[in-house]
């Protein structure tokens, strides 16, 4: 296709200008002169027979045509990067990088252990972990900025068509109490006892809180009658508050293994009720999956499941 009206160099320069906001900063980023940047854009505009920027001295602003082209430009450059990665990995897994995403609790307590296993076996692979809400992580996978993710929340419906979503494991949510609490001497508490507790809760937007409330509702418990002492957005803060005797809380079992081992917290089982949430693996169904991504999914995740009592296998 030798008659294309643009080159990869021109697209790379266009992307740099759009990202940096000016011709000057784009030139500095690409280590070329500003006149060279201007000349390439002028040639591109002549080849396309349309202006791509409004000539504004304060900032490089894209025209409507420029905005359309930049969308395809980003996809083309991302595909070029994927191609280079695939070629680099053709012979053997000697080097490379892996970008992993996770929702908050999973990223804080589960992912470091998984990454530790992976790095022990494949020290030559650089790993980056990004931890955000399930929604942000899902978008990052869909946009190709993250190779693989594990999330515990609901994936936005509009992204499902572009994602491979695989149920990975069940993560149990435990009711924790300070060891000094009267209920800590009981093997099980009754569901009616929940109304007698003071609770430290995650903020109302938390996906874990939604899972807890929905499960309790299905078991005839109306959590709107719970005594909520405080709402926090940090699992560590919640654990510390419970340990200090400020109340009870529901947290992921994966987040309290150390505290249970040291008898810093008590896991109070509720008679007849088990609260679980499903962790899911997200991959972009439209993109190339590197060897490192495949190994992490097919080898490391399965290995961890077989050696982790707190995480139950669903379907890998």
Protein backbone atom coordinates (compact mmCIF):
# COMPACT_ATOMS: atom_id res chain seq x y z
CA UNK A 1 0.00 0.00 0.00
CA UNK A 2 2.58 2.53 -1.18
CA UNK A 3 -0.10 5.18 -1.90
CA UNK A 4 -0.93 5.81 1.76
CA UNK A 5 -1.15 9.58 2.43
CA UNK A 6 0.93 9.34 5.61
CA UNK A 7 3.99 7.64 7.06
CA UNK A 8 4.57 6.13 10.51
CA UNK A 9 7.00 8.94 11.29
CA UNK A 10 4.31 11.51 10.52
CA UNK A 11 1.78 9.69 12.72
CA UNK A 12 4.32 9.48 15.52
CA UNK A 13 4.93 13.23 15.30
CA UNK A 14 1.20 13.95 15.16
CA UNK A 15 0.65 11.82 18.28
CA UNK A 16 3.49 13.59 20.11
CA UNK A 17 2.04 17.03 19.33
CA UNK A 18 -1.41 15.94 20.50
CA UNK A 19 0.02 14.47 23.71
CA UNK A 20 2.43 17.30 24.54
CA UNK A 21 0.18 20.15 23.44
CA UNK A 22 2.73 22.02 21.31
CA UNK A 23 5.12 21.59 18.39
CA UNK A 24 8.05 22.66 20.57
CA UNK A 25 7.46 20.09 23.33
CA UNK A 26 6.80 17.38 20.74
CA UNK A 27 10.16 18.15 19.12
CA UNK A 28 11.90 17.92 22.50
CA UNK A 29 10.20 14.61 23.28
CA UNK A 30 11.21 13.11 19.92
CA UNK A 31 14.74 14.63 19.97
CA UNK A 32 14.30 16.37 16.62
CA UNK A 33 14.19 20.04 15.68
CA UNK A 34 11.00 22.07 15.79
CA UNK A 35 11.33 23.04 12.07
CA UNK A 36 11.49 19.31 11.23
CA UNK A 37 8.27 18.73 13.17
CA UNK A 38 6.55 21.62 11.41
CA UNK A 39 7.73 20.43 7.99
CA UNK A 40 6.41 16.89 8.56
CA UNK A 41 2.99 18.21 9.62
CA UNK A 42 2.88 20.57 6.63
CA UNK A 43 3.67 17.64 4.31
CA UNK A 44 1.01 15.52 6.00
CA UNK A 45 -1.60 18.27 5.64
CA UNK A 46 -0.67 18.70 1.97
CA UNK A 47 -0.94 14.92 1.39
CA UNK A 48 -4.35 14.83 3.08
CA UNK A 49 -5.39 18.14 1.50
CA UNK A 50 -6.79 19.45 4.79
CA UNK A 51 -5.46 21.31 7.85
CA UNK A 52 -4.92 19.23 11.02
CA UNK A 53 -4.26 22.06 13.49
CA UNK A 54 -5.70 25.48 14.17
CA UNK A 55 -2.81 27.92 14.05
CA UNK A 56 -3.02 29.07 17.68
CA UNK A 57 0.20 30.39 19.23
CA UNK A 58 -0.76 29.32 22.76
CA UNK A 59 -1.55 25.66 22.07
CA UNK A 60 -1.68 23.19 19.20
CA UNK A 61 -5.41 22.49 18.77
CA UNK A 62 -6.59 19.73 16.46
CA UNK A 63 -9.19 20.42 13.78
CA UNK A 64 -12.08 17.99 13.34
CA UNK A 65 -10.00 16.10 10.77
CA UNK A 66 -7.06 16.07 13.16
CA UNK A 67 -9.21 14.65 15.96
CA UNK A 68 -10.44 11.88 13.68
CA UNK A 69 -6.94 11.05 12.49
CA UNK A 70 -5.47 10.98 16.01
CA UNK A 71 -7.93 8.23 17.04
CA UNK A 72 -6.70 5.98 14.25
CA UNK A 73 -3.15 7.16 14.82
CA UNK A 74 -3.15 5.82 18.39
CA UNK A 75 -4.52 2.47 17.24
CA UNK A 76 -1.95 2.19 14.45
CA UNK A 77 0.97 3.04 16.75
CA UNK A 78 -0.28 0.63 19.43
CA UNK A 79 -0.50 -2.12 16.81
CA UNK A 80 3.05 -1.35 15.67
CA UNK A 81 4.22 -1.66 19.28
CA UNK A 82 2.40 -4.99 19.63
CA UNK A 83 4.04 -6.22 16.42
CA UNK A 84 7.49 -5.41 17.76
CA UNK A 85 6.72 -7.19 21.02
CA UNK A 86 5.50 -10.27 19.16
CA UNK A 87 8.65 -10.35 17.03
CA UNK A 88 10.86 -9.94 20.09
CA UNK A 89 9.18 -12.92 21.74
CA UNK A 90 9.18 -15.18 18.68
CA UNK A 91 12.17 -17.29 19.63
CA UNK A 92 12.07 -17.45 23.42
CA UNK A 93 10.87 -15.73 26.56
CA UNK A 94 14.22 -14.07 27.22
CA UNK A 95 13.00 -10.57 28.00
CA UNK A 96 9.92 -8.43 27.91
CA UNK A 97 7.41 -6.60 30.03
CA UNK A 98 4.01 -7.40 31.50
CA UNK A 99 1.48 -4.82 32.66
CA UNK A 100 -1.06 -6.24 35.11
CA UNK A 101 -4.12 -4.56 36.57
CA UNK A 102 -6.21 -5.29 39.64
CA UNK A 103 -9.08 -3.85 41.62
CA UNK A 104 -8.27 -2.44 45.06
CA UNK A 105 -8.41 -5.41 47.44
CA UNK A 106 -7.11 -7.89 44.87
CA UNK A 107 -4.24 -5.60 43.93
CA UNK A 108 -3.25 -4.99 47.55
CA UNK A 109 -3.35 -8.54 48.95
CA UNK A 110 -3.44 -11.09 46.11
CA UNK A 111 -1.36 -9.65 43.28
CA UNK A 112 1.92 -9.14 45.20
CA UNK A 113 2.00 -12.88 45.95
CA UNK A 114 1.25 -13.78 42.32
CA UNK A 115 3.90 -11.38 41.04
CA UNK A 116 6.40 -12.82 43.52
CA UNK A 117 5.83 -16.33 42.12
CA UNK A 118 6.17 -15.05 38.55
CA UNK A 119 9.35 -13.06 39.23
CA UNK A 120 10.94 -16.05 40.96
CA UNK A 121 10.44 -18.18 37.83
CA UNK A 122 10.94 -15.46 35.19
CA UNK A 123 13.22 -12.75 36.66
CA UNK A 124 14.01 -11.40 33.19
CA UNK A 125 10.43 -10.15 32.68
CA UNK A 126 9.66 -6.67 33.98
CA UNK A 127 6.25 -6.38 35.65
CA UNK A 128 4.18 -3.28 36.31
CA UNK A 129 1.11 -3.46 38.56
CA UNK A 130 -1.69 -0.90 38.30
CA UNK A 131 -4.35 -0.82 41.04
CA UNK A 132 -7.60 1.09 40.54
CA UNK A 133 -11.35 0.55 40.68
CA UNK A 134 -12.78 -2.32 38.63
CA UNK A 135 -14.23 0.20 36.18
CA UNK A 136 -10.90 1.98 35.53
CA UNK A 137 -9.01 -1.30 35.22
CA UNK A 138 -11.61 -2.68 32.78
CA UNK A 139 -11.27 0.39 30.57
CA UNK A 140 -7.48 0.12 30.65
CA UNK A 141 -7.65 -3.50 29.45
CA UNK A 142 -10.16 -2.55 26.75
CA UNK A 143 -7.90 0.32 25.60
CA UNK A 144 -4.82 -1.93 25.48
CA UNK A 145 -2.96 -0.15 28.30
CA UNK A 146 -3.03 -3.26 30.52
CA UNK A 147 -2.23 -6.80 29.34
CA UNK A 148 -4.20 -8.77 31.93
CA UNK A 149 -6.23 -7.94 35.01
CA UNK A 150 -7.95 -9.61 37.95
CA UNK A 151 -10.96 -7.80 39.35
CA UNK A 152 -13.62 -8.49 41.94
CA UNK A 153 -16.27 -6.03 40.83
CA UNK A 154 -18.78 -5.77 38.00
CA UNK A 155 -17.26 -5.11 34.56
CA UNK A 156 -19.05 -2.25 32.75
CA UNK A 157 -21.57 -3.81 30.30
CA UNK A 158 -20.41 -1.62 27.40
CA UNK A 159 -16.92 -3.18 27.57
CA UNK A 160 -17.93 -6.83 27.56
CA UNK A 161 -17.93 -7.12 23.76
CA UNK A 162 -14.19 -6.30 23.67
CA UNK A 163 -13.10 -8.35 26.69
CA UNK A 164 -12.55 -12.01 27.47
CA UNK A 165 -13.92 -12.39 31.00
CA UNK A 166 -13.08 -15.65 32.77
CA UNK A 167 -14.25 -16.55 36.27
CA UNK A 168 -11.05 -17.27 38.19
CA UNK A 169 -11.77 -17.92 41.85
CA UNK A 170 -14.11 -17.36 44.76
CA UNK A 171 -12.89 -14.99 47.44
CA UNK A 172 -14.65 -15.45 50.78
CA UNK A 173 -15.53 -12.39 52.83
CA UNK A 174 -15.08 -12.82 56.58
CA UNK A 175 -16.77 -11.10 59.50
CA UNK A 176 -13.92 -9.97 61.75
CA UNK A 177 -14.01 -9.02 65.42
CA UNK A 178 -11.40 -8.02 67.98
CA UNK A 179 -10.27 -11.11 69.98
CA UNK A 180 -11.66 -9.51 73.14
CA UNK A 181 -15.23 -9.37 71.81
CA UNK A 182 -17.74 -11.66 73.62
CA UNK A 183 -18.69 -13.33 70.32
CA UNK A 184 -15.04 -14.38 69.78
CA UNK A 185 -15.55 -17.31 72.15
CA UNK A 186 -18.32 -18.76 69.96
CA UNK A 187 -17.77 -21.23 67.11
CA UNK A 188 -20.66 -19.64 65.21
CA UNK A 189 -22.88 -16.63 65.72
CA UNK A 190 -26.52 -16.46 64.61
CA UNK A 191 -27.53 -14.13 61.81
CA UNK A 192 -29.74 -12.17 64.22
CA UNK A 193 -26.60 -11.38 66.24
CA UNK A 194 -25.45 -9.12 63.39
CA UNK A 195 -27.96 -6.50 64.53
CA UNK A 196 -26.19 -6.34 67.91
CA UNK A 197 -22.80 -5.43 66.42
CA UNK A 198 -21.29 -2.04 65.65
CA UNK A 199 -19.82 -2.01 62.15
CA UNK A 200 -16.87 -0.43 60.38
CA UNK A 201 -17.88 -0.42 56.71
CA UNK A 202 -16.38 0.33 53.34
CA UNK A 203 -17.84 3.36 51.56
CA UNK A 204 -21.23 2.80 49.86
CA UNK A 205 -19.68 2.79 46.35
CA UNK A 206 -17.53 -0.24 47.16
CA UNK A 207 -18.27 -3.37 45.10
CA UNK A 208 -17.40 -5.54 48.13
CA UNK A 209 -20.03 -3.75 50.19
CA UNK A 210 -22.61 -4.42 47.46
CA UNK A 211 -21.77 -8.14 47.48
CA UNK A 212 -22.12 -8.27 51.27
CA UNK A 213 -25.45 -6.44 51.33
CA UNK A 214 -26.91 -8.52 48.49
CA UNK A 215 -25.90 -11.81 50.13
CA UNK A 216 -27.31 -10.77 53.50
CA UNK A 217 -30.57 -9.68 51.86
CA UNK A 218 -30.88 -13.10 50.20
CA UNK A 219 -30.55 -14.62 53.68
CA UNK A 220 -33.23 -12.45 55.24
CA UNK A 221 -30.89 -9.88 56.83
CA UNK A 222 -31.63 -6.18 56.27
CA UNK A 223 -28.26 -4.44 56.55
CA UNK A 224 -29.93 -1.02 56.54
CA UNK A 225 -30.63 -1.68 60.25
CA UNK A 226 -26.95 -2.27 61.05
CA UNK A 227 -25.23 0.16 63.42
CA UNK A 228 -22.56 1.74 61.19
CA UNK A 229 -19.99 3.45 63.42
CA UNK A 230 -17.86 4.74 60.55
CA UNK A 231 -17.19 4.29 56.84
CA UNK A 232 -13.62 3.99 55.53
CA UNK A 233 -12.15 3.48 52.06
CA UNK A 234 -9.09 1.49 53.17
CA UNK A 235 -9.01 -2.19 54.15
CA UNK A 236 -5.94 -1.55 56.33
CA UNK A 237 -7.75 1.24 58.17
CA UNK A 238 -10.74 -1.04 58.71
CA UNK A 239 -8.56 -3.86 60.08
CA UNK A 240 -6.84 -1.44 62.47
CA UNK A 241 -10.19 -0.04 63.61
CA UNK A 242 -11.51 -3.54 64.35
CA UNK A 243 -8.31 -4.52 66.15
CA UNK A 244 -8.68 -1.39 68.29
CA UNK A 245 -12.16 -2.49 69.34
CA UNK A 246 -14.12 0.12 67.39
CA UNK A 247 -16.44 -2.40 65.75
CA UNK A 248 -16.84 -5.39 63.45
CA UNK A 249 -16.30 -5.52 59.69
CA UNK A 250 -16.52 -7.69 56.60
CA UNK A 251 -13.23 -8.05 54.69
CA UNK A 252 -11.70 -10.46 52.20
CA UNK A 253 -10.12 -13.51 53.81
CA UNK A 254 -7.06 -12.90 51.62
CA UNK A 255 -6.54 -9.59 53.46
CA UNK A 256 -6.37 -11.02 56.99
CA UNK A 257 -4.16 -14.13 56.81
CA UNK A 258 -1.38 -12.51 58.87
CA UNK A 259 -3.77 -11.11 61.49
CA UNK A 260 -5.51 -14.47 61.92
CA UNK A 261 -2.18 -16.26 62.31
CA UNK A 262 -1.10 -13.79 65.02
CA UNK A 263 -4.52 -13.82 66.74
CA UNK A 264 -4.89 -10.10 66.16
CA UNK A 265 -8.39 -10.57 64.74
CA UNK A 266 -11.13 -13.17 65.13
CA UNK A 267 -13.02 -14.58 62.14
CA UNK A 268 -16.63 -14.96 63.29
CA UNK A 269 -18.48 -17.57 61.24
CA UNK A 270 -22.20 -16.91 60.71
CA UNK A 271 -24.42 -19.96 61.03
CA UNK A 272 -25.87 -20.83 57.62
CA UNK A 273 -24.35 -17.88 55.74
CA UNK A 274 -21.22 -17.75 53.59
CA UNK A 275 -20.41 -14.55 51.71
CA UNK A 276 -18.32 -14.91 48.57
CA UNK A 277 -17.48 -12.88 45.52
CA UNK A 278 -16.10 -14.06 42.18
CA UNK A 279 -12.72 -12.82 40.96
CA UNK A 280 -12.48 -12.57 37.17
CA UNK A 281 -9.58 -12.49 34.72
CA UNK A 282 -9.84 -9.82 32.03
CA UNK A 283 -8.07 -9.96 28.66
CA UNK A 284 -8.62 -7.88 25.54
CA UNK A 285 -10.15 -10.19 22.94
CA UNK A 286 -9.00 -7.96 20.05
CA UNK A 287 -5.30 -7.71 20.91
CA UNK A 288 -2.17 -9.80 20.72
CA UNK A 289 -1.34 -11.62 23.96
CA UNK A 290 2.36 -11.85 24.74
CA UNK A 291 4.07 -15.01 25.93
CA UNK A 292 4.45 -13.41 29.37
CA UNK A 293 0.70 -12.76 29.51
CA UNK A 294 -0.10 -16.35 28.55
CA UNK A 295 2.33 -17.77 31.11
CA UNK A 296 0.93 -15.58 33.88
CA UNK A 297 -2.62 -16.70 33.09
CA UNK A 298 -2.08 -20.38 32.30
CA UNK A 299 0.76 -21.22 34.68
CA UNK A 300 1.07 -18.76 37.58
CA UNK A 301 -2.63 -18.25 38.29
CA UNK A 302 -3.32 -21.98 38.27
CA UNK A 303 -0.29 -22.71 40.45
CA UNK A 304 -1.43 -20.15 43.02
CA UNK A 305 -4.93 -21.61 43.18
CA UNK A 306 -3.55 -25.07 43.90
CA UNK A 307 -1.53 -23.74 46.86
CA UNK A 308 -3.88 -21.16 48.40
CA UNK A 309 -6.50 -22.38 50.89
CA UNK A 310 -8.25 -19.01 51.12
CA UNK A 311 -8.91 -18.73 47.37
CA UNK A 312 -11.22 -21.34 45.87
CA UNK A 313 -11.01 -22.45 42.24
CA UNK A 314 -13.94 -21.61 39.99
CA UNK A 315 -12.85 -22.24 36.42
CA UNK A 316 -9.55 -21.44 34.78
